[in-house]
Amino acid sequence: MMLFNKYILRSVALIILLIPFIIVLILDYLTVPDLEESAKYVDVIIPRGASIQAIADSLIAKKLIDDKKLFLFWVTTLEKDRSLKAGYYEIPMGLTYAQLVTYLSTARSKQIKVTLIEGWRIERIALELENQLDIDRELFIGLTQDPEFIRDLDLELESLEGYLLPDTYYFYWGMDEIQLVRFLVDRCLAVFDSTVTARLDSIKMTRHEILTLASIIEGEAIFDDERSTISSVYHNRLKKRIKLQADPTIQYILEGPPRRLLYKDLETDSPYNTYKYYGLPPGPINNPGKKSILAAAYPANTKYLYFVARGDGRHNFSFTAKDHAKAKAEFNRVRREVYRKQKQNK
């Protein structure tokens, strides 16, 4: 009996001595190690709505695991089944199953560089975000026209056209459509800080009117140094109650891609037709960038009432209809010459 008791005591003592080592081994198995710069990574996309089974299949396909059941065991054991989120992850090779589960539950999704071009309409922005971030394009577009959602943004509009600020952004893969629309609207509204808002009060224009004018400027301007001058033409025409006669507003109401306008296009009956109706159209015709928004709010100090394309992306500005007609005739001459050379080269 005495020998048996001694054996038990020795066994217990041995176990007590081994406990710290066992704990260290367990923690080592569970804890993601410090990764060296030379560590190899694998890109893995976890789609929105993917099940744990589907995530395991993706990891097998990328050779990060080879035993699906063991992975699922560790997800359940560590209670991480609701912590694995959609995203674009860079996962280091060589992690244990437990480390991999821990890593996925804490890692931040990779950022994706997305460039949204000034002057794009909502549909084109939605297409780019679909291509880059795998969002639901139709859902994104639907949100921009949803009265209840728009009211939640504290806006009274029929559409968010003009309120999605184009720029180059770094988005986390996995952002949903609501987050993206809110982000782009917030970026647009941020342009209207206290200084700009005070400016709008002084020129007696609303934010919506400025965005509408900015979208027209965006449709006309190629070079930044012309934006405020183009803006001045429209401000001057508005003050004198002269029709804006802005070609981009006609392009907006025509179906299909931009094309050379015909005289009959100028007769199209639409509130957006600035050849037919006075003042600004009901709303923006595209999503202008910050430079065009500020140009709309801060026009150059000129007396110009007209401008016409020069053929090189720039414009000739005029005070009188007579000078404008001359500039227009010169542009038509340049256009005919370009057309003639193109025909010769065929």
Protein backbone atom coordinates (compact mmCIF):
# COMPACT_ATOMS: atom_id res chain seq x y z
CA MET A 1 0.00 0.00 0.00
CA MET A 2 2.84 2.35 0.91
CA LEU A 3 4.54 1.67 -2.44
CA PHE A 4 1.32 2.37 -4.31
CA ASN A 5 0.86 5.68 -2.51
CA LYS A 6 4.44 6.67 -3.33
CA TYR A 7 3.78 5.85 -7.00
CA ILE A 8 0.67 8.01 -7.03
CA LEU A 9 2.50 10.90 -5.40
CA ARG A 10 5.38 10.64 -7.88
CA SER A 11 2.91 10.55 -10.80
CA VAL A 12 1.05 13.60 -9.53
CA ALA A 13 4.33 15.45 -8.98
CA LEU A 14 5.45 14.55 -12.49
CA ILE A 15 2.18 15.77 -13.96
CA ILE A 16 2.44 19.03 -12.02
CA LEU A 17 5.97 19.48 -13.35
CA LEU A 18 4.79 18.79 -16.91
CA ILE A 19 1.77 21.13 -16.80
CA PRO A 20 3.76 24.30 -17.65
CA PHE A 21 5.39 22.53 -20.60
CA ILE A 22 2.00 21.25 -21.80
CA ILE A 23 0.53 24.75 -21.54
CA VAL A 24 3.47 26.19 -23.51
CA LEU A 25 2.97 23.55 -26.22
CA ILE A 26 -0.77 24.25 -26.41
CA LEU A 27 -0.23 28.01 -26.57
CA ASP A 28 2.44 27.54 -29.20
CA TYR A 29 0.01 25.49 -31.28
CA LEU A 30 -2.77 28.03 -30.89
CA THR A 31 -0.86 31.33 -31.12
CA VAL A 32 0.02 32.84 -34.47
CA PRO A 33 3.83 33.22 -34.49
CA ASP A 34 5.70 36.43 -35.27
CA LEU A 35 6.10 36.36 -39.03
CA GLU A 36 9.41 37.13 -40.71
CA GLU A 37 9.59 39.37 -43.75
CA SER A 38 10.62 36.35 -45.80
CA ALA A 39 7.41 34.49 -44.90
CA LYS A 40 5.41 33.30 -47.90
CA TYR A 41 1.79 34.41 -48.18
CA VAL A 42 -1.16 33.13 -50.16
CA ASP A 43 -4.06 35.37 -51.29
CA VAL A 44 -7.46 33.95 -50.33
CA ILE A 45 -10.87 35.49 -51.00
CA ILE A 46 -13.73 34.59 -48.68
CA PRO A 47 -16.94 35.60 -50.47
CA ARG A 48 -19.83 37.20 -48.63
CA GLY A 49 -22.18 34.56 -47.27
CA ALA A 50 -19.63 31.73 -47.58
CA SER A 51 -20.23 28.83 -45.18
CA ILE A 52 -17.46 27.40 -42.98
CA GLN A 53 -17.48 24.38 -45.29
CA ALA A 54 -16.92 26.62 -48.31
CA ILE A 55 -14.11 28.48 -46.49
CA ALA A 56 -12.44 25.14 -45.75
CA ASP A 57 -12.69 24.19 -49.44
CA SER A 58 -11.00 27.48 -50.40
CA LEU A 59 -8.16 26.84 -47.96
CA ILE A 60 -7.69 23.32 -49.32
CA ALA A 61 -7.58 24.70 -52.88
CA LYS A 62 -4.83 27.12 -51.81
CA LYS A 63 -2.94 24.25 -50.06
CA LEU A 64 -3.14 25.94 -46.65
CA ILE A 65 -4.82 22.85 -45.15
CA ASP A 66 -5.35 19.29 -46.30
CA ASP A 67 -7.80 17.98 -43.68
CA LYS A 68 -11.22 19.63 -43.85
CA LYS A 69 -12.61 17.85 -40.79
CA LEU A 70 -9.65 18.89 -38.63
CA PHE A 71 -10.11 22.52 -39.69
CA LEU A 72 -13.82 22.38 -38.86
CA PHE A 73 -12.96 20.76 -35.51
CA TRP A 74 -10.72 23.71 -34.57
CA VAL A 75 -13.27 26.29 -35.76
CA THR A 76 -15.84 24.68 -33.45
CA THR A 77 -13.42 24.13 -30.55
CA LEU A 78 -12.23 27.73 -30.60
CA GLU A 79 -15.80 28.96 -31.14
CA LYS A 80 -14.78 30.97 -34.19
CA ASP A 81 -17.58 29.87 -36.51
CA ARG A 82 -19.06 33.40 -36.44
CA SER A 83 -15.73 35.21 -36.49
CA LEU A 84 -14.62 34.25 -39.98
CA LYS A 85 -15.71 37.16 -42.17
CA ALA A 86 -15.77 37.85 -45.88
CA GLY A 87 -12.65 39.50 -47.19
CA TYR A 88 -9.48 39.35 -49.24
CA TYR A 89 -6.74 37.96 -47.00
CA GLU A 90 -3.00 37.40 -47.29
CA ILE A 91 -2.45 34.23 -45.26
CA PRO A 92 1.04 33.04 -44.24
CA MET A 93 2.03 29.50 -45.13
CA GLY A 94 2.91 26.96 -42.46
CA LEU A 95 0.36 27.80 -39.76
CA THR A 96 -1.14 25.04 -37.64
CA TYR A 97 -4.87 24.50 -37.96
CA ALA A 98 -5.55 26.33 -34.71
CA GLN A 99 -3.24 29.21 -35.69
CA LEU A 100 -4.94 29.47 -39.06
CA VAL A 101 -8.38 29.71 -37.45
CA THR A 102 -7.10 32.36 -35.02
CA TYR A 103 -5.44 34.28 -37.84
CA LEU A 104 -8.60 34.34 -39.97
CA SER A 105 -10.72 35.47 -37.04
CA THR A 106 -8.49 38.47 -36.29
CA ALA A 107 -6.90 39.46 -39.61
CA ARG A 108 -8.07 42.57 -41.46
CA SER A 109 -9.12 42.21 -45.05
CA LYS A 110 -6.63 43.41 -47.65
CA GLN A 111 -7.18 46.90 -49.04
CA ILE A 112 -7.94 47.24 -52.74
CA LYS A 113 -7.00 50.36 -54.69
CA VAL A 114 -10.03 51.59 -56.64
CA THR A 115 -10.02 54.65 -58.88
CA LEU A 116 -13.39 56.23 -59.65
CA ILE A 117 -13.11 58.75 -62.48
CA GLU A 118 -14.56 62.25 -62.19
CA GLY A 119 -17.67 62.58 -64.33
CA TRP A 120 -18.74 58.96 -64.11
CA ARG A 121 -22.43 58.30 -63.60
CA ILE A 122 -23.73 56.04 -60.87
CA GLU A 123 -23.98 53.04 -63.21
CA ARG A 124 -20.31 53.31 -64.22
CA ILE A 125 -19.20 53.67 -60.60
CA ALA A 126 -21.25 50.61 -59.68
CA LEU A 127 -19.64 48.61 -62.50
CA GLU A 128 -16.12 49.51 -61.34
CA LEU A 129 -16.91 48.58 -57.73
CA GLU A 130 -18.41 45.30 -58.93
CA ASN A 131 -15.24 44.54 -60.92
CA GLN A 132 -12.86 45.48 -58.11
CA LEU A 133 -14.76 44.50 -54.95
CA ASP A 134 -17.26 41.91 -56.20
CA ILE A 135 -20.27 43.85 -54.93
CA ASP A 136 -23.84 43.50 -56.20
CA ARG A 137 -23.99 46.23 -58.84
CA GLU A 138 -27.79 46.30 -59.06
CA LEU A 139 -28.14 46.53 -55.29
CA PHE A 140 -25.67 49.44 -55.23
CA ILE A 141 -27.62 51.28 -57.96
CA GLY A 142 -30.91 50.52 -56.22
CA LEU A 143 -29.67 52.08 -52.98
CA THR A 144 -28.82 55.32 -54.80
CA GLN A 145 -32.46 55.57 -55.88
CA ASP A 146 -34.11 54.29 -52.69
CA PRO A 147 -36.10 57.16 -51.06
CA GLU A 148 -35.96 55.62 -47.57
CA PHE A 149 -32.22 54.96 -47.72
CA ILE A 150 -31.58 58.47 -49.05
CA ARG A 151 -33.65 59.96 -46.21
CA ASP A 152 -31.52 57.97 -43.75
CA LEU A 153 -28.57 59.94 -45.14
CA ASP A 154 -30.44 63.10 -44.16
CA LEU A 155 -30.93 64.07 -47.80
CA GLU A 156 -34.12 64.92 -49.67
CA LEU A 157 -33.36 63.70 -53.19
CA GLU A 158 -34.75 61.41 -55.84
CA SER A 159 -31.29 60.10 -56.70
CA LEU A 160 -27.75 60.27 -55.34
CA GLU A 161 -26.39 61.14 -58.79
CA GLY A 162 -23.78 63.82 -58.17
CA TYR A 163 -23.34 62.89 -54.50
CA LEU A 164 -20.80 60.04 -54.92
CA LEU A 165 -17.40 61.72 -54.86
CA PRO A 166 -14.96 60.22 -57.40
CA ASP A 167 -11.36 59.79 -56.27
CA THR A 168 -8.78 57.07 -55.72
CA TYR A 169 -9.66 55.08 -52.62
CA TYR A 170 -8.36 52.06 -50.73
CA PHE A 171 -11.34 49.91 -49.81
CA TYR A 172 -11.34 46.82 -47.63
CA TRP A 173 -12.50 43.88 -49.71
CA GLY A 174 -15.76 42.76 -48.15
CA MET A 175 -17.30 46.21 -47.67
CA ASP A 176 -20.97 45.93 -48.55
CA GLU A 177 -23.05 48.10 -50.83
CA ILE A 178 -24.55 50.19 -48.03
CA GLN A 179 -21.12 50.95 -46.55
CA LEU A 180 -19.76 51.97 -49.95
CA VAL A 181 -22.64 54.30 -50.83
CA ARG A 182 -22.51 55.91 -47.38
CA PHE A 183 -18.74 56.36 -47.66
CA LEU A 184 -18.90 58.03 -51.08
CA VAL A 185 -21.75 60.33 -50.02
CA ASP A 186 -19.89 61.28 -46.83
CA ARG A 187 -16.80 62.12 -48.88
CA CYS A 188 -18.87 64.36 -51.14
CA LEU A 189 -20.59 66.18 -48.28
CA ALA A 190 -17.23 66.68 -46.56
CA VAL A 191 -16.24 69.03 -49.40
CA PHE A 192 -18.89 71.42 -48.11
CA ASP A 193 -17.06 72.49 -44.97
CA SER A 194 -17.91 75.67 -43.08
CA THR A 195 -15.90 77.84 -45.49
CA VAL A 196 -17.57 76.47 -48.61
CA THR A 197 -20.99 76.59 -46.94
CA ALA A 198 -20.45 80.25 -46.11
CA ARG A 199 -19.44 80.85 -49.71
CA LEU A 200 -22.68 79.25 -50.93
CA ASP A 201 -24.66 81.55 -48.66
CA SER A 202 -22.86 84.58 -50.08
CA ILE A 203 -23.61 83.65 -53.71
CA LYS A 204 -27.12 82.46 -52.80
CA MET A 205 -26.78 78.95 -54.18
CA THR A 206 -27.66 75.64 -52.55
CA ARG A 207 -25.43 72.60 -52.27
CA HIS A 208 -27.61 70.79 -54.78
CA GLU A 209 -27.30 73.64 -57.27
CA ILE A 210 -23.52 73.70 -56.88
CA LEU A 211 -23.28 69.95 -57.45
CA THR A 212 -25.51 70.30 -60.52
CA LEU A 213 -23.34 73.07 -61.94
CA ALA A 214 -20.18 71.15 -60.99
CA SER A 215 -21.39 68.13 -62.96
CA ILE A 216 -21.79 70.30 -66.07
CA ILE A 217 -18.31 71.76 -65.57
CA GLU A 218 -16.99 68.20 -65.19
CA GLY A 219 -18.60 67.29 -68.49
CA GLU A 220 -16.89 70.21 -70.24
CA ALA A 221 -13.45 70.56 -68.65
CA ILE A 222 -10.40 68.47 -69.39
CA PHE A 223 -7.74 70.81 -68.02
CA ASP A 224 -7.91 71.87 -64.38
CA ASP A 225 -6.88 75.46 -65.11
CA GLU A 226 -10.04 75.97 -67.20
CA ARG A 227 -12.57 74.78 -64.63
CA SER A 228 -13.09 78.11 -62.85
CA THR A 229 -13.27 79.98 -66.18
CA ILE A 230 -15.90 77.59 -67.53
CA SER A 231 -17.72 78.06 -64.23
CA SER A 232 -17.64 81.82 -64.70
CA VAL A 233 -19.36 81.52 -68.08
CA TYR A 234 -22.26 79.62 -66.55
CA HIS A 235 -22.50 81.94 -63.55
CA ASN A 236 -22.58 84.93 -65.89
CA ARG A 237 -25.29 83.38 -68.04
CA LEU A 238 -27.37 82.50 -64.97
CA LYS A 239 -27.14 86.10 -63.73
CA LYS A 240 -28.19 87.48 -67.11
CA ARG A 241 -30.89 84.82 -67.51
CA ILE A 242 -29.33 83.42 -70.66
CA LYS A 243 -29.88 79.73 -71.38
CA LEU A 244 -26.83 77.70 -70.37
CA GLN A 245 -26.79 75.75 -73.64
CA ALA A 246 -24.48 73.15 -72.12
CA ASP A 247 -23.79 70.19 -74.42
CA PRO A 248 -23.21 67.72 -71.55
CA THR A 249 -26.85 68.14 -70.48
CA ILE A 250 -27.94 67.00 -73.95
CA GLN A 251 -25.59 64.02 -73.85
CA TYR A 252 -27.16 63.12 -70.51
CA ILE A 253 -30.67 62.77 -71.95
CA LEU A 254 -29.60 60.86 -75.07
CA GLU A 255 -29.35 57.09 -74.99
CA GLY A 256 -26.07 55.35 -75.67
CA PRO A 257 -22.46 56.58 -75.45
CA PRO A 258 -21.51 60.23 -76.08
CA ARG A 259 -21.58 61.26 -79.73
CA ARG A 260 -21.54 64.37 -81.90
CA LEU A 261 -24.72 66.30 -81.27
CA LEU A 262 -27.18 67.07 -84.06
CA TYR A 263 -29.47 70.09 -84.24
CA LYS A 264 -32.49 67.85 -83.68
CA ASP A 265 -30.95 66.66 -80.38
CA LEU A 266 -31.15 70.23 -79.11
CA GLU A 267 -34.95 70.07 -79.49
CA THR A 268 -35.31 67.05 -77.20
CA ASP A 269 -37.99 67.86 -74.63
CA SER A 270 -36.49 67.30 -71.19
CA PRO A 271 -36.04 69.47 -68.10
CA TYR A 272 -32.33 68.65 -68.48
CA ASN A 273 -32.22 70.32 -71.90
CA THR A 274 -30.41 73.58 -71.18
CA TYR A 275 -30.86 74.67 -74.81
CA LYS A 276 -34.62 74.59 -74.30
CA TYR A 277 -35.06 75.67 -70.67
CA TYR A 278 -33.55 78.45 -68.58
CA GLY A 279 -31.48 77.90 -65.47
CA LEU A 280 -29.87 74.77 -64.10
CA PRO A 281 -31.30 71.31 -64.80
CA PRO A 282 -33.13 69.53 -61.94
CA GLY A 283 -30.01 67.77 -60.69
CA PRO A 284 -26.46 66.62 -61.43
CA ILE A 285 -25.81 64.80 -64.69
CA ASN A 286 -22.78 62.89 -63.36
CA ASN A 287 -20.63 62.68 -60.26
CA PRO A 288 -18.20 65.61 -60.27
CA GLY A 289 -14.83 65.63 -58.56
CA LYS A 290 -13.75 68.00 -55.83
CA LYS A 291 -12.00 70.39 -58.25
CA SER A 292 -15.18 70.91 -60.27
CA ILE A 293 -17.25 71.36 -57.10
CA LEU A 294 -14.91 74.07 -55.86
CA ALA A 295 -14.82 75.66 -59.33
CA ALA A 296 -18.62 75.84 -59.26
CA ALA A 297 -18.50 77.57 -55.89
CA TYR A 298 -15.56 79.83 -56.77
CA PRO A 299 -15.83 80.90 -60.43
CA ALA A 300 -13.15 83.06 -61.99
CA ASN A 301 -13.90 86.77 -62.17
CA THR A 302 -14.64 87.16 -65.89
CA LYS A 303 -17.33 88.59 -68.17
CA TYR A 304 -17.23 85.68 -70.60
CA LEU A 305 -20.58 84.45 -71.89
CA TYR A 306 -19.43 81.88 -74.44
CA PHE A 307 -16.85 79.17 -74.98
CA VAL A 308 -16.22 76.59 -77.65
CA ALA A 309 -13.82 73.66 -77.98
CA ARG A 310 -10.51 74.36 -79.69
CA GLY A 311 -9.88 70.81 -80.82
CA ASP A 312 -7.00 70.08 -78.43
CA GLY A 313 -9.03 69.65 -75.24
CA ARG A 314 -8.96 73.35 -74.44
CA HIS A 315 -11.52 76.08 -75.16
CA ASN A 316 -11.74 79.55 -76.64
CA PHE A 317 -13.71 81.99 -74.46
CA SER A 318 -15.63 84.97 -75.81
CA PHE A 319 -17.51 88.04 -74.57
CA THR A 320 -19.79 88.46 -77.58
CA ALA A 321 -21.86 86.24 -79.86
CA LYS A 322 -19.88 87.58 -82.84
CA ASP A 323 -16.53 86.50 -81.38
CA HIS A 324 -18.05 83.19 -80.38
CA ALA A 325 -19.24 82.56 -83.94
CA LYS A 326 -15.69 83.16 -85.21
CA ALA A 327 -14.23 80.74 -82.63
CA LYS A 328 -16.88 78.18 -83.53
CA ALA A 329 -16.09 78.51 -87.24
CA GLU A 330 -12.41 77.96 -86.48
CA PHE A 331 -13.22 74.83 -84.48
CA ASN A 332 -15.35 73.49 -87.36
CA ARG A 333 -12.43 74.14 -89.73
CA VAL A 334 -10.07 72.18 -87.45
CA ARG A 335 -12.59 69.36 -87.16
CA ARG A 336 -12.97 69.13 -90.95
CA GLU A 337 -9.20 69.04 -91.34
CA VAL A 338 -8.87 66.21 -88.79
CA TYR A 339 -11.66 64.29 -90.53
CA ARG A 340 -9.94 64.76 -93.92
CA LYS A 341 -6.62 63.44 -92.61
CA GLN A 342 -8.29 60.45 -90.96
CA LYS A 343 -9.99 59.62 -94.27
CA GLN A 344 -6.68 59.84 -96.14
CA ASN A 345 -4.96 57.48 -93.70
CA LYS A 346 -7.56 54.73 -94.16
